[in-house]
Amino acid sequence: MARMNLTDEQRNMIGELADELDNLHGATQLGMPPAFHVKQLQRALPELSAKIKAWVVEISGDDPWKE
């Protein structure tokens, strides 16, 4: 795979996204009712998806989700 030349800002962004995913995973280990976890994931995952899609568009210059 070709190495991508990312800016510091782009590397920070992907690191923050990875941290958010780690936090969501860690939260599932807490002793809360399953419905609580589902609700939190339903709120958080669309936000993460939008951030990842925006990042892909930024680094590639192309929006594969555009209809």
PDB file of N, CA and C in Angstrom:
ATOM      1  N   MET A   1       0.850  -1.165   0.000  1.00  0.00           N
ATOM      2  CA  MET A   1       0.000   0.000   0.000  1.00  0.00           C
ATOM      3  C   MET A   1       0.900   1.233   0.000  1.00  0.00           C
ATOM      4  N   ALA A   2       0.523   2.227  -0.771  1.00  0.00           N
ATOM      5  CA  ALA A   2       1.292   3.468  -0.855  1.00  0.00           C
ATOM      6  C   ALA A   2       1.154   4.265   0.439  1.00  0.00           C
ATOM      7  N   ARG A   3       2.247   4.865   0.840  1.00  0.00           N
ATOM      8  CA  ARG A   3       2.234   5.701   2.048  1.00  0.00           C
ATOM      9  C   ARG A   3       1.607   7.045   1.710  1.00  0.00           C
ATOM     10  N   MET A   4       0.706   7.501   2.580  1.00  0.00           N
ATOM     11  CA  MET A   4       0.026   8.773   2.356  1.00  0.00           C
ATOM     12  C   MET A   4       0.793   9.872   3.080  1.00  0.00           C
ATOM     13  N   ASN A   5       0.924  10.997   2.439  1.00  0.00           N
ATOM     14  CA  ASN A   5       1.554  12.148   3.058  1.00  0.00           C
ATOM     15  C   ASN A   5       0.476  12.988   3.729  1.00  0.00           C
ATOM     16  N   LEU A   6       0.288  12.752   5.020  1.00  0.00           N
ATOM     17  CA  LEU A   6      -0.731  13.464   5.768  1.00  0.00           C
ATOM     18  C   LEU A   6      -0.110  14.639   6.507  1.00  0.00           C
ATOM     19  N   THR A   7      -0.905  15.683   6.654  1.00  0.00           N
ATOM     20  CA  THR A   7      -0.459  16.821   7.449  1.00  0.00           C
ATOM     21  C   THR A   7      -0.598  16.453   8.935  1.00  0.00           C
ATOM     22  N   ASP A   8       0.040  17.245   9.782  1.00  0.00           N
ATOM     23  CA  ASP A   8      -0.104  17.019  11.222  1.00  0.00           C
ATOM     24  C   ASP A   8      -1.562  17.104  11.636  1.00  0.00           C
ATOM     25  N   GLU A   9      -2.291  18.053  11.074  1.00  0.00           N
ATOM     26  CA  GLU A   9      -3.711  18.213  11.396  1.00  0.00           C
ATOM     27  C   GLU A   9      -4.502  16.966  11.013  1.00  0.00           C
ATOM     28  N   GLN A  10      -4.200  16.393   9.853  1.00  0.00           N
ATOM     29  CA  GLN A  10      -4.911  15.194   9.411  1.00  0.00           C
ATOM     30  C   GLN A  10      -4.571  14.000  10.302  1.00  0.00           C
ATOM     31  N   ARG A  11      -3.291  13.874  10.695  1.00  0.00           N
ATOM     32  CA  ARG A  11      -2.906  12.790  11.601  1.00  0.00           C
ATOM     33  C   ARG A  11      -3.609  12.956  12.948  1.00  0.00           C
ATOM     34  N   ASN A  12      -3.696  14.192  13.425  1.00  0.00           N
ATOM     35  CA  ASN A  12      -4.391  14.443  14.691  1.00  0.00           C
ATOM     36  C   ASN A  12      -5.859  14.074  14.583  1.00  0.00           C
ATOM     37  N   MET A  13      -6.478  14.400  13.452  1.00  0.00           N
ATOM     38  CA  MET A  13      -7.894  14.104  13.259  1.00  0.00           C
ATOM     39  C   MET A  13      -8.146  12.605  13.310  1.00  0.00           C
ATOM     40  N   ILE A  14      -7.337  11.820  12.613  1.00  0.00           N
ATOM     41  CA  ILE A  14      -7.562  10.372  12.631  1.00  0.00           C
ATOM     42  C   ILE A  14      -7.262   9.803  14.006  1.00  0.00           C
ATOM     43  N   GLY A  15      -6.309  10.380  14.716  1.00  0.00           N
ATOM     44  CA  GLY A  15      -6.042   9.957  16.084  1.00  0.00           C
ATOM     45  C   GLY A  15      -7.215  10.240  16.996  1.00  0.00           C
ATOM     46  N   GLU A  16      -7.833  11.399  16.831  1.00  0.00           N
ATOM     47  CA  GLU A  16      -9.008  11.748  17.635  1.00  0.00           C
ATOM     48  C   GLU A  16     -10.173  10.807  17.342  1.00  0.00           C
ATOM     49  N   LEU A  17     -10.344  10.451  16.068  1.00  0.00           N
ATOM     50  CA  LEU A  17     -11.413   9.510  15.707  1.00  0.00           C
ATOM     51  C   LEU A  17     -11.153   8.144  16.350  1.00  0.00           C
ATOM     52  N   ALA A  18      -9.913   7.700  16.321  1.00  0.00           N
ATOM     53  CA  ALA A  18      -9.568   6.424  16.948  1.00  0.00           C
ATOM     54  C   ALA A  18      -9.822   6.485  18.451  1.00  0.00           C
ATOM     55  N   ASP A  19      -9.475   7.605  19.085  1.00  0.00           N
ATOM     56  CA  ASP A  19      -9.733   7.770  20.518  1.00  0.00           C
ATOM     57  C   ASP A  19     -11.229   7.718  20.821  1.00  0.00           C
ATOM     58  N   GLU A  20     -12.043   8.362  19.981  1.00  0.00           N
ATOM     59  CA  GLU A  20     -13.490   8.339  20.189  1.00  0.00           C
ATOM     60  C   GLU A  20     -14.024   6.906  20.104  1.00  0.00           C
ATOM     61  N   LEU A  21     -13.527   6.143  19.125  1.00  0.00           N
ATOM     62  CA  LEU A  21     -13.958   4.746  19.006  1.00  0.00           C
ATOM     63  C   LEU A  21     -13.514   3.943  20.220  1.00  0.00           C
ATOM     64  N   ASP A  22     -12.287   4.160  20.688  1.00  0.00           N
ATOM     65  CA  ASP A  22     -11.806   3.473  21.889  1.00  0.00           C
ATOM     66  C   ASP A  22     -12.680   3.813  23.094  1.00  0.00           C
ATOM     67  N   ASN A  23     -13.053   5.084  23.216  1.00  0.00           N
ATOM     68  CA  ASN A  23     -13.902   5.500  24.334  1.00  0.00           C
ATOM     69  C   ASN A  23     -15.274   4.834  24.276  1.00  0.00           C
ATOM     70  N   LEU A  24     -15.834   4.754  23.077  1.00  0.00           N
ATOM     71  CA  LEU A  24     -17.133   4.081  22.940  1.00  0.00           C
ATOM     72  C   LEU A  24     -17.024   2.606  23.330  1.00  0.00           C
ATOM     73  N   HIS A  25     -15.955   1.976  22.884  1.00  0.00           N
ATOM     74  CA  HIS A  25     -15.756   0.566  23.232  1.00  0.00           C
ATOM     75  C   HIS A  25     -15.582   0.417  24.741  1.00  0.00           C
ATOM     76  N   GLY A  26     -14.775   1.272  25.330  1.00  0.00           N
ATOM     77  CA  GLY A  26     -14.561   1.214  26.775  1.00  0.00           C
ATOM     78  C   GLY A  26     -15.843   1.416  27.562  1.00  0.00           C
ATOM     79  N   ALA A  27     -16.693   2.296  27.082  1.00  0.00           N
ATOM     80  CA  ALA A  27     -17.950   2.567  27.773  1.00  0.00           C
ATOM     81  C   ALA A  27     -18.855   1.344  27.796  1.00  0.00           C
ATOM     82  N   THR A  28     -18.711   0.470  26.800  1.00  0.00           N
ATOM     83  CA  THR A  28     -19.557  -0.731  26.790  1.00  0.00           C
ATOM     84  C   THR A  28     -19.173  -1.699  27.904  1.00  0.00           C
ATOM     85  N   GLN A  29     -17.997  -1.484  28.506  1.00  0.00           N
ATOM     86  CA  GLN A  29     -17.549  -2.357  29.591  1.00  0.00           C
ATOM     87  C   GLN A  29     -18.093  -1.904  30.948  1.00  0.00           C
ATOM     88  N   LEU A  30     -18.742  -0.748  30.988  1.00  0.00           N
ATOM     89  CA  LEU A  30     -19.310  -0.241  32.230  1.00  0.00           C
ATOM     90  C   LEU A  30     -20.580  -1.024  32.566  1.00  0.00           C
ATOM     91  N   GLY A  31     -20.896  -1.091  33.817  1.00  0.00           N
ATOM     92  CA  GLY A  31     -22.056  -1.869  34.267  1.00  0.00           C
ATOM     93  C   GLY A  31     -23.374  -1.133  34.112  1.00  0.00           C
ATOM     94  N   MET A  32     -23.636  -0.675  32.918  1.00  0.00           N
ATOM     95  CA  MET A  32     -24.885   0.036  32.646  1.00  0.00           C
ATOM     96  C   MET A  32     -25.831  -0.903  31.889  1.00  0.00           C
ATOM     97  N   PRO A  33     -27.119  -0.610  31.933  1.00  0.00           N
ATOM     98  CA  PRO A  33     -28.079  -1.445  31.189  1.00  0.00           C
ATOM     99  C   PRO A  33     -27.787  -1.409  29.684  1.00  0.00           C
ATOM    100  N   PRO A  34     -27.998  -2.524  29.010  1.00  0.00           N
ATOM    101  CA  PRO A  34     -27.745  -2.569  27.564  1.00  0.00           C
ATOM    102  C   PRO A  34     -28.459  -1.462  26.793  1.00  0.00           C
ATOM    103  N   ALA A  35     -29.664  -1.114  27.183  1.00  0.00           N
ATOM    104  CA  ALA A  35     -30.404  -0.068  26.468  1.00  0.00           C
ATOM    105  C   ALA A  35     -29.667   1.266  26.522  1.00  0.00           C
ATOM    106  N   PHE A  36     -28.978   1.532  27.622  1.00  0.00           N
ATOM    107  CA  PHE A  36     -28.195   2.753  27.749  1.00  0.00           C
ATOM    108  C   PHE A  36     -27.076   2.762  26.706  1.00  0.00           C
ATOM    109  N   HIS A  37     -26.370   1.641  26.592  1.00  0.00           N
ATOM    110  CA  HIS A  37     -25.272   1.548  25.626  1.00  0.00           C
ATOM    111  C   HIS A  37     -25.776   1.704  24.196  1.00  0.00           C
ATOM    112  N   VAL A  38     -26.887   1.074  23.886  1.00  0.00           N
ATOM    113  CA  VAL A  38     -27.457   1.178  22.539  1.00  0.00           C
ATOM    114  C   VAL A  38     -27.792   2.627  22.224  1.00  0.00           C
ATOM    115  N   LYS A  39     -28.406   3.313  23.177  1.00  0.00           N
ATOM    116  CA  LYS A  39     -28.778   4.715  22.961  1.00  0.00           C
ATOM    117  C   LYS A  39     -27.539   5.573  22.720  1.00  0.00           C
ATOM    118  N   GLN A  40     -26.488   5.351  23.489  1.00  0.00           N
ATOM    119  CA  GLN A  40     -25.254   6.114  23.320  1.00  0.00           C
ATOM    120  C   GLN A  40     -24.608   5.834  21.958  1.00  0.00           C
ATOM    121  N   LEU A  41     -24.621   4.580  21.544  1.00  0.00           N
ATOM    122  CA  LEU A  41     -24.060   4.229  20.233  1.00  0.00           C
ATOM    123  C   LEU A  41     -24.894   4.831  19.105  1.00  0.00           C
ATOM    124  N   GLN A  42     -26.205   4.835  19.263  1.00  0.00           N
ATOM    125  CA  GLN A  42     -27.068   5.428  18.243  1.00  0.00           C
ATOM    126  C   GLN A  42     -26.795   6.921  18.100  1.00  0.00           C
ATOM    127  N   ARG A  43     -26.400   7.573  19.172  1.00  0.00           N
ATOM    128  CA  ARG A  43     -26.082   8.995  19.121  1.00  0.00           C
ATOM    129  C   ARG A  43     -24.672   9.217  18.553  1.00  0.00           C
ATOM    130  N   ALA A  44     -23.730   8.412  19.001  1.00  0.00           N
ATOM    131  CA  ALA A  44     -22.323   8.659  18.676  1.00  0.00           C
ATOM    132  C   ALA A  44     -21.908   8.173  17.286  1.00  0.00           C
ATOM    133  N   LEU A  45     -22.407   7.041  16.853  1.00  0.00           N
ATOM    134  CA  LEU A  45     -21.936   6.464  15.587  1.00  0.00           C
ATOM    135  C   LEU A  45     -22.236   7.330  14.366  1.00  0.00           C
ATOM    136  N   PRO A  46     -23.416   7.930  14.241  1.00  0.00           N
ATOM    137  CA  PRO A  46     -23.634   8.815  13.085  1.00  0.00           C
ATOM    138  C   PRO A  46     -22.671  10.011  13.074  1.00  0.00           C
ATOM    139  N   GLU A  47     -22.345  10.544  14.259  1.00  0.00           N
ATOM    140  CA  GLU A  47     -21.391  11.644  14.336  1.00  0.00           C
ATOM    141  C   GLU A  47     -20.009  11.198  13.877  1.00  0.00           C
ATOM    142  N   LEU A  48     -19.586  10.023  14.335  1.00  0.00           N
ATOM    143  CA  LEU A  48     -18.285   9.496  13.913  1.00  0.00           C
ATOM    144  C   LEU A  48     -18.260   9.210  12.418  1.00  0.00           C
ATOM    145  N   SER A  49     -19.334   8.664  11.910  1.00  0.00           N
ATOM    146  CA  SER A  49     -19.417   8.382  10.481  1.00  0.00           C
ATOM    147  C   SER A  49     -19.266   9.671   9.670  1.00  0.00           C
ATOM    148  N   ALA A  50     -19.950  10.727  10.090  1.00  0.00           N
ATOM    149  CA  ALA A  50     -19.864  12.005   9.380  1.00  0.00           C
ATOM    150  C   ALA A  50     -18.443  12.557   9.427  1.00  0.00           C
ATOM    151  N   LYS A  51     -17.774  12.426  10.571  1.00  0.00           N
ATOM    152  CA  LYS A  51     -16.389  12.898  10.690  1.00  0.00           C
ATOM    153  C   LYS A  51     -15.453  12.115   9.779  1.00  0.00           C
ATOM    154  N   ILE A  52     -15.619  10.803   9.746  1.00  0.00           N
ATOM    155  CA  ILE A  52     -14.775   9.964   8.891  1.00  0.00           C
ATOM    156  C   ILE A  52     -15.004  10.286   7.421  1.00  0.00           C
ATOM    157  N   LYS A  53     -16.260  10.437   7.025  1.00  0.00           N
ATOM    158  CA  LYS A  53     -16.567  10.775   5.632  1.00  0.00           C
ATOM    159  C   LYS A  53     -15.972  12.131   5.253  1.00  0.00           C
ATOM    160  N   ALA A  54     -16.076  13.108   6.148  1.00  0.00           N
ATOM    161  CA  ALA A  54     -15.503  14.429   5.872  1.00  0.00           C
ATOM    162  C   ALA A  54     -13.993  14.334   5.738  1.00  0.00           C
ATOM    163  N   TRP A  55     -13.369  13.506   6.561  1.00  0.00           N
ATOM    164  CA  TRP A  55     -11.921  13.323   6.501  1.00  0.00           C
ATOM    165  C   TRP A  55     -11.514  12.679   5.179  1.00  0.00           C
ATOM    166  N   VAL A  56     -12.252  11.671   4.746  1.00  0.00           N
ATOM    167  CA  VAL A  56     -11.960  11.013   3.457  1.00  0.00           C
ATOM    168  C   VAL A  56     -12.051  12.026   2.316  1.00  0.00           C
ATOM    169  N   VAL A  57     -13.100  12.842   2.331  1.00  0.00           N
ATOM    170  CA  VAL A  57     -13.270  13.856   1.284  1.00  0.00           C
ATOM    171  C   VAL A  57     -12.105  14.847   1.327  1.00  0.00           C
ATOM    172  N   GLU A  58     -11.703  15.256   2.532  1.00  0.00           N
ATOM    173  CA  GLU A  58     -10.602  16.213   2.667  1.00  0.00           C
ATOM    174  C   GLU A  58      -9.300  15.675   2.096  1.00  0.00           C
ATOM    175  N   ILE A  59      -8.964  14.435   2.425  1.00  0.00           N
ATOM    176  CA  ILE A  59      -7.652  13.929   1.977  1.00  0.00           C
ATOM    177  C   ILE A  59      -7.661  13.432   0.539  1.00  0.00           C
ATOM    178  N   SER A  60      -8.835  13.020   0.052  1.00  0.00           N
ATOM    179  CA  SER A  60      -8.870  12.468  -1.305  1.00  0.00           C
ATOM    180  C   SER A  60      -9.319  13.488  -2.344  1.00  0.00           C
ATOM    181  N   GLY A  61     -10.044  14.520  -1.887  1.00  0.00           N
ATOM    182  CA  GLY A  61     -10.596  15.483  -2.829  1.00  0.00           C
ATOM    183  C   GLY A  61     -11.791  14.943  -3.585  1.00  0.00           C
ATOM    184  N   ASP A  62     -12.291  13.786  -3.157  1.00  0.00           N
ATOM    185  CA  ASP A  62     -13.418  13.149  -3.824  1.00  0.00           C
ATOM    186  C   ASP A  62     -14.434  12.739  -2.771  1.00  0.00           C
ATOM    187  N   ASP A  63     -15.707  12.815  -3.117  1.00  0.00           N
ATOM    188  CA  ASP A  63     -16.776  12.423  -2.208  1.00  0.00           C
ATOM    189  C   ASP A  63     -17.486  11.199  -2.787  1.00  0.00           C
ATOM    190  N   PRO A  64     -17.064   9.991  -2.363  1.00  0.00           N
ATOM    191  CA  PRO A  64     -17.674   8.789  -2.915  1.00  0.00           C
ATOM    192  C   PRO A  64     -19.123   8.581  -2.464  1.00  0.00           C
ATOM    193  N   TRP A  65     -19.598   9.354  -1.481  1.00  0.00           N
ATOM    194  CA  TRP A  65     -20.965   9.231  -0.982  1.00  0.00           C
ATOM    195  C   TRP A  65     -21.920  10.190  -1.678  1.00  0.00           C
ATOM    196  N   LYS A  66     -21.370  11.086  -2.471  1.00  0.00           N
ATOM    197  CA  LYS A  66     -22.209  12.070  -3.175  1.00  0.00           C
ATOM    198  C   LYS A  66     -23.015  11.360  -4.255  1.00  0.00           C
ATOM    199  N   GLU A  67     -24.285  11.673  -4.288  1.00  0.00           N
ATOM    200  CA  GLU A  67     -25.154  11.032  -5.292  1.00  0.00           C
ATOM    201  C   GLU A  67     -25.218  11.850  -6.545  1.00  0.00           C
TER     202      GLU A  67
END
